[in-house]
Amino acid sequence: MENCIMKHKSLLLSIAIVLHIICAWNSSAYIHPDEHFQILEFANYKLGHTSASNLAWEFEAKMRPGFQPFIAFVIIKTISFIGIDNPNHIAFLLRVLSACLAFFVSLHLLKSISQKAIIQLQNVNLYISLLCWSLVFLHVRFSSENWSAIFFTLAVSFVIRNHKNRYFLFGVLSALSVIFRFQAIFFVAGAGLWFLIIDKISFKSLLNCILGFMLFFLMGVLFDYWLYSEWVCTFWNYLYQNMFLGKAASFGVEPWYWYFKQLFEQAIPPYSLLLLIGFFALFYKHPKNIITWSSFMFLIGHLLVAHKELRFLFPLSYFVPFFVLTGIGFVHSISTLNTYQNVLNFFGKIFLVINPILLLLICFKPANEIGGLFSHLSSIKTEKTLLYEDKNPYRLTPQEASFYVNDKLNILKVDSFIAQSNNTHSDTALLYSEDLNFQSTDAIQVVGIEYTNTPDWLKKLNFNNWLDRRNNYTLYLVTKRNKTN
């Protein structure tokens, strides 16, 4: 596997760039509502396109940082000057920006590790870093988890390569990481212990590090003021809401070992097992590495937090290739089997078959099925009526996804549409429904399907009615029946 990747290194980089762009284009919407409602909707509020009452409860609690919404705000305002106002195109450009930063940071970390000769399989590391299906998907996310990971990974890279200004740069970049996602403070705590115990940092260097951190962490207060129009400490408000008022725990509590179970299941066995082995082998194989100390502290911090979600560990994603290759090295060091290399090659070849399949799937599907519906609705350029029965498609969560609302649409409940005179809205309307078999009624005539995320070929595979348990989004073309019919 190593020789194959080395031989085609330039081709691999080109393919990785293309696939990141394709994934950014197709990976519409969000993995988790926080990715949208606590960033893009906050920016949308500052743009004057939605009200504060429509925002998530975290806005009223003033507990979310303003830096990332500010970045979105500036980009949206800038590209509006060249006529880009389609929300899906805007979100795409934000994902491309995320992918560019992720690509740069992945290569920067890889070069830093290579300089230190920490691992031998550098080209395998390159392949996993840039073409592993799950990492490509995470790279394109304009989320707090991804941007926090990007800046902390870059901070670590400068330390590993012994950059002459590494302490000040670490302070600056790690502060930005914390500003994007406060839980990155666990990373910083682990790195701080490494500086004191392993690196034996001088007092002057420690001051440089603290100075860089405090300058940019306090800069975050300026962006918080921009967002909330008053001086607040969002970091404290976040701690107060989640630790003292227990808001996070109200969303569910999991046992301490929950992350290990989820990682084993979600990262595809047996590769997930190699990932877990590699993580716990870090102190054995690389006890003096800053990645080891910061990663362990990050995990321990999240194990102690009662409310757990797998996305909370996404900031570790840029270190995943390092974990996997550490696992390979550890298993090799304790293996007494002569067939070890053959087994390794076998699973490597299997990965080269499985990964491209998963990569293509992840690159050509939305992050959330609602993204396809939003994209279609945003493409409508003429006045149109959009009907719904119980659920407004833009309000499938407590808050309206106002960022994606197309102002060309007149959104009505079906009852209101029927109650209007026959001369009103005489053109064909769109009816949103989650019912795959919506039928005409006495008042509404179905004349076709405008959009669906459940095509006919998929309906033919509806064994045991599994489609009824997924999110089905369909736009029916409908007309109002005349009373004389």
Protein backbone atom coordinates (compact mmCIF):
# COMPACT_ATOMS: atom_id res chain seq x y z
CA MET A 1 0.00 0.00 0.00
CA GLU A 2 2.84 2.39 0.90
CA ASN A 3 4.67 1.93 -2.42
CA CYS A 4 1.46 2.27 -4.41
CA ILE A 5 0.59 5.59 -2.76
CA MET A 6 4.14 6.94 -3.11
CA LYS A 7 4.14 6.17 -6.83
CA HIS A 8 0.93 8.12 -7.42
CA LYS A 9 1.35 10.91 -4.87
CA SER A 10 0.60 13.80 -7.25
CA LEU A 11 -2.47 12.02 -8.58
CA LEU A 12 -3.65 11.37 -5.04
CA LEU A 13 -3.38 15.07 -4.15
CA SER A 14 -5.30 16.06 -7.29
CA ILE A 15 -8.06 13.55 -6.62
CA ALA A 16 -8.29 14.70 -3.01
CA ILE A 17 -8.76 18.33 -4.07
CA VAL A 18 -11.48 17.44 -6.57
CA LEU A 19 -13.34 15.20 -4.11
CA HIS A 20 -13.23 17.84 -1.39
CA ILE A 21 -14.86 20.33 -3.80
CA ILE A 22 -17.49 17.78 -4.89
CA CYS A 23 -18.23 16.92 -1.28
CA ALA A 24 -18.50 20.60 -0.39
CA TRP A 25 -21.00 21.10 -3.20
CA ASN A 26 -23.21 18.12 -2.37
CA SER A 27 -22.88 18.08 1.42
CA SER A 28 -25.70 20.56 1.89
CA ALA A 29 -27.47 21.44 5.14
CA TYR A 30 -25.90 20.22 8.38
CA ILE A 31 -24.95 17.17 10.43
CA HIS A 32 -26.46 18.61 13.58
CA PRO A 33 -28.80 21.62 13.89
CA ASP A 34 -26.16 23.48 15.97
CA GLU A 35 -24.00 23.67 12.85
CA HIS A 36 -26.66 25.81 11.22
CA PHE A 37 -28.76 27.48 13.91
CA GLN A 38 -25.87 28.70 16.05
CA ILE A 39 -23.73 30.02 13.20
CA LEU A 40 -25.57 30.84 9.97
CA GLU A 41 -28.80 31.88 11.68
CA PHE A 42 -26.83 34.15 14.02
CA ALA A 43 -25.16 35.72 10.98
CA ASN A 44 -28.55 35.96 9.29
CA TYR A 45 -29.84 37.84 12.31
CA LYS A 46 -27.01 40.38 12.05
CA LEU A 47 -27.81 40.74 8.35
CA GLY A 48 -31.32 41.78 9.37
CA HIS A 49 -33.01 38.80 7.74
CA THR A 50 -34.49 37.20 10.86
CA SER A 51 -35.54 38.26 14.33
CA ALA A 52 -33.90 37.42 17.66
CA SER A 53 -37.08 35.59 18.69
CA ASN A 54 -36.44 33.05 15.92
CA LEU A 55 -32.97 32.18 17.18
CA ALA A 56 -31.98 29.21 19.32
CA TRP A 57 -32.27 29.58 23.10
CA GLU A 58 -28.50 29.89 23.35
CA PHE A 59 -28.74 33.37 21.83
CA GLU A 60 -30.90 34.67 24.66
CA ALA A 61 -28.53 33.00 27.13
CA LYS A 62 -25.62 34.78 25.36
CA MET A 63 -23.50 31.66 25.59
CA ARG A 64 -22.33 31.13 22.01
CA PRO A 65 -19.24 32.92 20.63
CA GLY A 66 -19.68 35.51 17.91
CA PHE A 67 -16.46 34.91 15.96
CA GLN A 68 -17.70 32.26 13.51
CA PRO A 69 -21.02 34.02 12.83
CA PHE A 70 -18.92 37.14 12.16
CA ILE A 71 -16.84 35.25 9.59
CA ALA A 72 -20.03 34.07 7.87
CA PHE A 73 -21.44 37.61 8.04
CA VAL A 74 -18.37 39.15 6.39
CA ILE A 75 -18.24 36.52 3.64
CA ILE A 76 -21.96 36.85 2.89
CA LYS A 77 -21.70 40.66 2.71
CA THR A 78 -18.59 40.45 0.52
CA ILE A 79 -19.91 37.99 -2.07
CA SER A 80 -23.22 39.84 -2.25
CA PHE A 81 -21.34 42.57 -4.14
CA ILE A 82 -20.76 40.13 -7.00
CA GLY A 83 -24.36 38.98 -7.03
CA ILE A 84 -24.12 35.75 -5.06
CA ASP A 85 -27.16 35.62 -2.82
CA ASN A 86 -28.41 32.05 -3.21
CA PRO A 87 -28.14 30.60 0.32
CA ASN A 88 -27.01 27.23 -1.00
CA HIS A 89 -24.21 28.83 -2.99
CA ILE A 90 -23.20 30.83 0.08
CA ALA A 91 -23.14 27.69 2.24
CA PHE A 92 -21.13 25.93 -0.48
CA LEU A 93 -18.47 28.66 -0.45
CA LEU A 94 -18.25 28.44 3.34
CA ARG A 95 -17.73 24.68 3.04
CA VAL A 96 -15.06 25.23 0.36
CA LEU A 97 -13.28 27.65 2.70
CA SER A 98 -13.42 25.02 5.44
CA ALA A 99 -12.08 22.38 3.06
CA CYS A 100 -9.19 24.62 1.97
CA LEU A 101 -8.17 25.26 5.57
CA ALA A 102 -8.53 21.57 6.42
CA PHE A 103 -6.44 20.55 3.42
CA PHE A 104 -3.69 23.01 4.33
CA VAL A 105 -3.65 22.00 8.00
CA SER A 106 -3.61 18.27 7.19
CA LEU A 107 -0.57 18.72 4.97
CA HIS A 108 1.07 21.04 7.51
CA LEU A 109 0.67 18.45 10.28
CA LEU A 110 1.88 15.66 8.02
CA LYS A 111 5.01 17.62 7.10
CA SER A 112 5.63 18.44 10.77
CA ILE A 113 5.35 14.79 11.77
CA SER A 114 7.55 13.76 8.85
CA GLN A 115 10.28 16.15 9.97
CA LYS A 116 10.27 14.49 13.37
CA ALA A 117 10.15 10.99 11.86
CA ILE A 118 7.48 10.00 14.37
CA ILE A 119 5.95 7.48 12.00
CA GLN A 120 7.27 5.52 9.02
CA LEU A 121 4.22 5.12 6.81
CA GLN A 122 4.10 8.74 5.70
CA ASN A 123 2.32 8.09 2.41
CA VAL A 124 -0.31 5.93 4.08
CA ASN A 125 -0.78 8.85 6.46
CA LEU A 126 -1.21 11.13 3.44
CA TYR A 127 -3.87 8.85 1.96
CA ILE A 128 -5.84 8.58 5.20
CA SER A 129 -5.52 12.30 5.96
CA LEU A 130 -6.85 13.48 2.60
CA LEU A 131 -8.95 10.64 1.24
CA CYS A 132 -10.46 8.79 4.18
CA TRP A 133 -14.21 9.04 3.59
CA SER A 134 -15.10 10.23 7.08
CA LEU A 135 -12.34 12.85 7.22
CA VAL A 136 -13.26 14.35 3.85
CA PHE A 137 -16.83 14.69 5.10
CA LEU A 138 -15.67 16.44 8.27
CA HIS A 139 -13.20 18.67 6.42
CA VAL A 140 -15.96 20.47 4.51
CA ARG A 141 -18.07 21.29 7.55
CA PHE A 142 -18.42 24.97 8.45
CA SER A 143 -18.93 23.89 12.03
CA SER A 144 -17.43 24.93 15.35
CA GLU A 145 -15.97 21.43 15.80
CA ASN A 146 -14.09 21.55 12.50
CA TRP A 147 -12.80 25.10 12.79
CA SER A 148 -11.70 24.55 16.38
CA ALA A 149 -9.83 21.42 15.29
CA ILE A 150 -8.20 23.25 12.38
CA PHE A 151 -6.65 25.94 14.54
CA PHE A 152 -5.55 23.65 17.36
CA THR A 153 -3.98 21.21 14.87
CA LEU A 154 -2.08 24.10 13.30
CA ALA A 155 -0.92 25.20 16.76
CA VAL A 156 0.40 21.71 17.49
CA SER A 157 2.11 21.55 14.09
CA PHE A 158 4.21 24.63 14.85
CA VAL A 159 5.26 23.11 18.16
CA ILE A 160 6.23 19.77 16.61
CA ARG A 161 8.43 21.38 13.98
CA ASN A 162 10.11 23.62 16.60
CA HIS A 163 9.17 26.87 14.88
CA LYS A 164 11.16 29.74 16.39
CA ASN A 165 7.94 31.52 17.43
CA ARG A 166 6.14 28.30 18.35
CA TYR A 167 5.12 29.34 21.86
CA PHE A 168 3.51 32.61 20.86
CA LEU A 169 1.90 30.97 17.80
CA PHE A 170 0.58 28.16 19.94
CA GLY A 171 -0.98 30.69 22.30
CA VAL A 172 -2.63 32.60 19.45
CA LEU A 173 -3.90 29.57 17.53
CA SER A 174 -5.08 27.63 20.57
CA ALA A 175 -6.99 30.72 21.73
CA LEU A 176 -8.75 30.83 18.35
CA SER A 177 -9.51 27.13 18.73
CA VAL A 178 -11.16 27.78 22.10
CA ILE A 179 -13.06 30.77 20.71
CA PHE A 180 -14.57 28.58 18.00
CA ARG A 181 -15.47 25.82 20.48
CA PHE A 182 -15.01 26.24 24.20
CA GLN A 183 -14.42 22.51 24.82
CA ALA A 184 -11.04 22.93 23.10
CA ILE A 185 -9.87 24.15 26.51
CA PHE A 186 -9.32 20.44 27.26
CA PHE A 187 -6.83 20.35 24.38
CA VAL A 188 -5.07 23.39 25.77
CA ALA A 189 -4.93 21.88 29.27
CA GLY A 190 -3.24 18.75 27.95
CA ALA A 191 -0.78 20.77 25.92
CA GLY A 192 -0.08 22.95 28.97
CA LEU A 193 0.90 19.88 30.99
CA TRP A 194 3.12 18.77 28.14
CA PHE A 195 4.86 22.16 28.08
CA LEU A 196 5.54 22.00 31.82
CA ILE A 197 6.42 18.30 32.26
CA ILE A 198 7.95 17.20 28.95
CA ASP A 199 9.07 20.34 27.16
CA LYS A 200 10.14 22.03 30.40
CA ILE A 201 9.24 25.40 28.96
CA SER A 202 11.20 28.43 30.14
CA PHE A 203 9.47 31.21 32.02
CA LYS A 204 9.95 33.62 29.12
CA SER A 205 8.48 31.16 26.62
CA LEU A 206 5.57 30.46 28.95
CA LEU A 207 4.83 34.18 29.14
CA ASN A 208 4.89 34.39 25.32
CA CYS A 209 2.44 31.51 25.14
CA ILE A 210 0.10 33.01 27.74
CA LEU A 211 0.36 36.46 26.12
CA GLY A 212 -0.59 35.08 22.70
CA PHE A 213 -3.50 33.15 24.20
CA MET A 214 -4.88 36.02 26.27
CA LEU A 215 -4.61 38.60 23.48
CA PHE A 216 -6.65 36.56 21.04
CA PHE A 217 -9.00 35.03 23.60
CA LEU A 218 -9.92 38.54 24.73
CA MET A 219 -10.34 39.48 21.08
CA GLY A 220 -13.23 37.03 21.08
CA VAL A 221 -15.04 39.36 23.49
CA LEU A 222 -15.15 41.99 20.72
CA PHE A 223 -16.96 39.59 18.41
CA ASP A 224 -19.32 38.65 21.21
CA TYR A 225 -20.13 42.34 21.61
CA TRP A 226 -20.75 42.55 17.86
CA LEU A 227 -23.23 39.67 18.07
CA TYR A 228 -25.10 40.55 21.26
CA SER A 229 -24.69 44.35 21.21
CA GLU A 230 -23.49 44.31 24.81
CA TRP A 231 -20.40 43.29 26.71
CA VAL A 232 -20.70 39.64 27.72
CA CYS A 233 -18.41 36.74 28.56
CA THR A 234 -19.84 33.89 26.52
CA PHE A 235 -17.28 31.46 27.94
CA TRP A 236 -18.61 32.04 31.46
CA ASN A 237 -22.23 31.99 30.30
CA TYR A 238 -21.58 28.66 28.59
CA LEU A 239 -20.15 27.19 31.81
CA TYR A 240 -22.97 28.63 33.87
CA GLN A 241 -25.73 27.25 31.65
CA ASN A 242 -24.26 23.79 31.22
CA MET A 243 -22.47 23.13 34.49
CA PHE A 244 -24.50 25.05 37.07
CA LEU A 245 -27.94 24.95 35.46
CA GLY A 246 -27.40 21.54 33.85
CA LYS A 247 -28.79 22.53 30.45
CA ALA A 248 -26.51 20.14 28.53
CA ALA A 249 -27.49 17.19 30.72
CA SER A 250 -31.15 17.90 29.96
CA PHE A 251 -30.48 16.72 26.39
CA GLY A 252 -29.44 13.28 27.65
CA VAL A 253 -26.87 11.63 29.88
CA GLU A 254 -24.61 8.76 28.82
CA PRO A 255 -22.19 6.52 30.75
CA TRP A 256 -18.46 7.29 30.63
CA TYR A 257 -17.69 4.43 28.20
CA TRP A 258 -20.31 5.55 25.64
CA TYR A 259 -17.74 7.13 23.31
CA PHE A 260 -15.74 3.91 23.00
CA LYS A 261 -18.83 1.93 22.04
CA GLN A 262 -19.86 4.53 19.48
CA LEU A 263 -16.39 4.80 17.97
CA PHE A 264 -16.12 1.05 17.61
CA GLU A 265 -19.48 0.85 15.84
CA GLN A 266 -19.34 4.00 13.72
CA ALA A 267 -15.71 3.87 12.53
CA ILE A 268 -16.24 0.45 10.86
CA PRO A 269 -14.68 -2.59 12.56
CA PRO A 270 -11.96 -3.87 12.41
CA TYR A 271 -10.48 -0.48 11.48
CA SER A 272 -12.22 1.12 14.45
CA LEU A 273 -10.47 -1.39 16.70
CA LEU A 274 -7.12 -0.36 15.23
CA LEU A 275 -8.05 3.28 15.86
CA LEU A 276 -8.85 2.59 19.52
CA ILE A 277 -5.72 0.48 19.99
CA GLY A 278 -3.66 3.26 18.45
CA PHE A 279 -5.16 5.89 20.71
CA PHE A 280 -4.39 3.95 23.89
CA ALA A 281 -0.95 2.99 22.60
CA LEU A 282 0.05 6.65 22.31
CA PHE A 283 1.65 6.78 25.75
CA TYR A 284 3.54 3.57 24.97
CA LYS A 285 4.76 4.53 21.50
CA HIS A 286 4.91 8.35 21.78
CA PRO A 287 4.89 9.31 25.47
CA LYS A 288 6.67 12.62 24.86
CA ASN A 289 4.54 13.87 21.99
CA ILE A 290 2.26 16.87 22.44
CA ILE A 291 -0.48 15.12 20.41
CA THR A 292 -0.55 12.35 23.00
CA TRP A 293 -0.96 14.68 25.97
CA SER A 294 -3.49 17.03 24.40
CA SER A 295 -5.59 14.20 22.91
CA PHE A 296 -5.78 12.29 26.20
CA MET A 297 -6.81 15.36 28.15
CA PHE A 298 -9.41 16.20 25.50
CA LEU A 299 -10.92 12.72 25.76
CA ILE A 300 -10.81 12.64 29.57
CA GLY A 301 -12.59 15.98 29.70
CA HIS A 302 -15.38 14.69 27.48
CA LEU A 303 -15.66 11.42 29.40
CA LEU A 304 -16.35 13.45 32.54
CA VAL A 305 -19.10 15.49 30.87
CA ALA A 306 -22.45 13.75 31.33
CA HIS A 307 -24.01 14.76 27.99
CA LYS A 308 -22.21 13.03 25.14
CA GLU A 309 -22.49 13.23 21.38
CA LEU A 310 -20.08 11.67 18.90
CA ARG A 311 -19.63 15.00 17.13
CA PHE A 312 -18.01 16.34 20.31
CA LEU A 313 -14.96 14.20 19.42
CA PHE A 314 -14.74 15.52 15.85
CA PRO A 315 -11.92 17.93 16.85
CA LEU A 316 -9.71 14.84 17.20
CA SER A 317 -10.23 14.00 13.53
CA TYR A 318 -6.99 15.56 12.24
CA PHE A 319 -5.02 13.28 14.57
CA VAL A 320 -6.88 10.13 13.46
CA PRO A 321 -4.23 9.06 10.88
CA PHE A 322 -1.61 9.39 13.63
CA PHE A 323 -3.73 7.19 15.93
CA VAL A 324 -4.27 4.55 13.24
CA LEU A 325 -0.60 4.31 12.30
CA THR A 326 0.35 4.21 15.97
CA GLY A 327 -2.03 1.26 16.28
CA ILE A 328 -0.35 -0.46 13.33
CA GLY A 329 3.06 0.09 14.88
CA PHE A 330 1.92 -1.14 18.30
CA VAL A 331 0.35 -4.34 16.98
CA HIS A 332 3.47 -4.97 14.94
CA SER A 333 5.72 -4.48 17.99
CA ILE A 334 3.85 -7.07 20.07
CA SER A 335 3.08 -9.51 17.28
CA THR A 336 4.95 -12.81 17.15
CA LEU A 337 3.21 -13.99 13.99
CA ASN A 338 5.34 -14.29 10.87
CA THR A 339 2.25 -13.58 8.81
CA TYR A 340 1.79 -10.11 10.29
CA GLN A 341 2.84 -8.28 7.13
CA ASN A 342 0.50 -10.38 5.03
CA VAL A 343 -2.41 -9.66 7.37
CA LEU A 344 -1.59 -5.94 7.32
CA ASN A 345 -1.43 -5.92 3.53
CA PHE A 346 -4.72 -7.80 3.34
CA PHE A 347 -6.60 -5.27 5.48
CA GLY A 348 -4.84 -2.43 3.67
CA LYS A 349 -6.11 -3.76 0.33
CA ILE A 350 -9.60 -4.20 1.74
CA PHE A 351 -9.50 -0.58 2.93
CA LEU A 352 -8.47 0.53 -0.56
CA VAL A 353 -11.66 -1.14 -1.83
CA ILE A 354 -14.09 -0.08 0.90
CA ASN A 355 -12.89 3.50 1.32
CA PRO A 356 -13.45 4.67 -2.31
CA ILE A 357 -16.99 3.29 -2.22
CA LEU A 358 -17.82 5.11 1.01
CA LEU A 359 -16.00 8.20 -0.25
CA LEU A 360 -18.12 8.38 -3.38
CA LEU A 361 -21.29 7.88 -1.34
CA ILE A 362 -20.38 10.62 1.10
CA CYS A 363 -19.31 13.02 -1.67
CA PHE A 364 -22.57 12.77 -3.58
CA LYS A 365 -25.14 12.93 -0.81
CA PRO A 366 -26.31 15.82 1.37
CA ALA A 367 -25.15 16.00 4.95
CA ASN A 368 -28.83 16.07 5.83
CA GLU A 369 -31.64 15.00 3.49
CA ILE A 370 -33.38 18.31 4.10
CA GLY A 371 -30.48 19.94 2.26
CA GLY A 372 -31.70 18.63 -1.09
CA LEU A 373 -35.13 20.13 -0.47
CA PHE A 374 -33.64 23.49 0.55
CA SER A 375 -31.48 23.49 -2.58
CA HIS A 376 -34.47 22.86 -4.81
CA LEU A 377 -36.61 25.53 -3.15
CA SER A 378 -33.78 28.05 -3.39
CA SER A 379 -33.53 27.47 -7.15
CA ILE A 380 -37.09 28.76 -7.73
CA LYS A 381 -36.83 32.15 -9.47
CA THR A 382 -40.49 33.07 -9.99
CA GLU A 383 -43.34 33.72 -7.55
CA LYS A 384 -44.75 30.43 -6.32
CA THR A 385 -47.06 29.19 -3.60
CA LEU A 386 -45.66 26.63 -1.20
CA LEU A 387 -48.24 24.70 0.80
CA TYR A 388 -47.91 22.50 3.84
CA GLU A 389 -50.30 20.58 6.04
CA ASP A 390 -48.79 20.27 9.50
CA LYS A 391 -45.08 21.02 9.06
CA ASN A 392 -43.56 24.03 7.38
CA PRO A 393 -40.47 22.62 5.60
CA TYR A 394 -38.42 25.56 6.86
CA ARG A 395 -39.52 24.91 10.44
CA LEU A 396 -38.85 21.22 11.05
CA THR A 397 -37.03 22.28 14.23
CA PRO A 398 -38.34 24.72 16.84
CA GLN A 399 -36.59 27.54 14.97
CA GLU A 400 -37.18 28.46 11.35
CA ALA A 401 -34.25 27.91 8.98
CA SER A 402 -34.72 31.49 7.78
CA PHE A 403 -31.30 31.56 6.12
CA TYR A 404 -32.64 29.20 3.42
CA VAL A 405 -36.10 30.76 2.99
CA ASN A 406 -36.74 31.81 -0.61
CA ASP A 407 -38.57 35.13 -0.66
CA LYS A 408 -40.13 34.15 -3.99
CA LEU A 409 -42.31 31.65 -2.13
CA ASN A 410 -45.68 32.48 -0.63
CA ILE A 411 -45.85 29.92 2.20
CA LEU A 412 -49.35 28.91 3.28
CA LYS A 413 -51.11 26.15 5.15
CA VAL A 414 -53.32 24.06 2.87
CA ASP A 415 -56.47 25.15 4.72
CA SER A 416 -55.67 28.82 4.10
CA PHE A 417 -55.03 28.12 0.43
CA ILE A 418 -58.33 26.28 0.05
CA ALA A 419 -60.24 29.02 1.86
CA GLN A 420 -59.12 31.64 -0.64
CA SER A 421 -61.26 32.39 -3.69
CA ASN A 422 -60.69 30.29 -6.78
CA ASN A 423 -59.32 33.28 -8.64
CA THR A 424 -56.42 33.54 -6.19
CA HIS A 425 -53.28 31.49 -6.84
CA SER A 426 -54.69 29.98 -10.02
CA ASP A 427 -51.29 28.61 -11.01
CA THR A 428 -50.06 25.24 -9.89
CA ALA A 429 -48.80 25.28 -6.30
CA LEU A 430 -46.21 23.18 -4.49
CA LEU A 431 -47.31 21.04 -1.59
CA TYR A 432 -44.71 19.86 0.91
CA SER A 433 -45.42 16.48 2.48
CA GLU A 434 -43.54 13.69 4.24
CA ASP A 435 -46.16 11.22 2.98
CA LEU A 436 -44.77 9.17 0.11
CA ASN A 437 -48.28 8.31 -1.06
CA PHE A 438 -50.10 11.59 -0.75
CA GLN A 439 -53.40 11.41 -2.62
CA SER A 440 -55.69 14.04 -4.10
CA THR A 441 -58.47 15.33 -1.86
CA ASP A 442 -61.82 16.90 -2.54
CA ALA A 443 -60.13 20.30 -2.56
CA ILE A 444 -56.60 19.55 -3.86
CA GLN A 445 -55.67 17.74 -7.08
CA VAL A 446 -52.20 16.19 -7.32
CA VAL A 447 -50.85 16.57 -10.85
CA GLY A 448 -47.25 15.47 -10.38
CA ILE A 449 -44.10 15.45 -8.27
CA GLU A 450 -41.73 18.41 -8.39
CA TYR A 451 -39.07 17.02 -6.03
CA THR A 452 -38.49 14.02 -3.79
CA ASN A 453 -35.57 12.59 -1.91
CA THR A 454 -37.14 9.14 -2.25
CA PRO A 455 -36.99 8.13 -5.93
CA ASP A 456 -39.12 5.33 -7.40
CA TRP A 457 -36.25 2.84 -7.53
CA LEU A 458 -35.76 3.26 -3.79
CA LYS A 459 -39.45 2.65 -3.16
CA LYS A 460 -39.08 -0.74 -4.83
CA LEU A 461 -36.59 -1.67 -2.09
CA ASN A 462 -39.00 -0.77 0.70
CA PHE A 463 -38.71 -4.10 2.48
CA ASN A 464 -40.45 -4.24 5.85
CA ASN A 465 -41.55 -0.62 5.23
CA TRP A 466 -38.14 0.77 6.24
CA LEU A 467 -38.78 3.92 4.20
CA ASP A 468 -41.49 4.91 6.66
CA ARG A 469 -38.79 5.20 9.31
CA ARG A 470 -36.61 7.64 7.37
CA ASN A 471 -37.07 11.33 6.60
CA ASN A 472 -38.99 11.60 3.34
CA TYR A 473 -39.32 15.03 1.79
CA THR A 474 -41.54 15.49 -1.28
CA LEU A 475 -42.91 18.48 -3.18
CA TYR A 476 -46.12 17.63 -5.00
CA LEU A 477 -47.45 19.74 -7.85
CA VAL A 478 -51.07 20.48 -6.95
CA THR A 479 -53.97 22.58 -8.14
CA LYS A 480 -57.15 23.60 -6.38
CA ARG A 481 -60.24 21.72 -7.52
CA ASN A 482 -63.02 23.89 -8.80
CA LYS A 483 -66.15 23.75 -6.67
CA THR A 484 -68.16 22.71 -9.74
CA ASN A 485 -66.04 19.55 -10.20
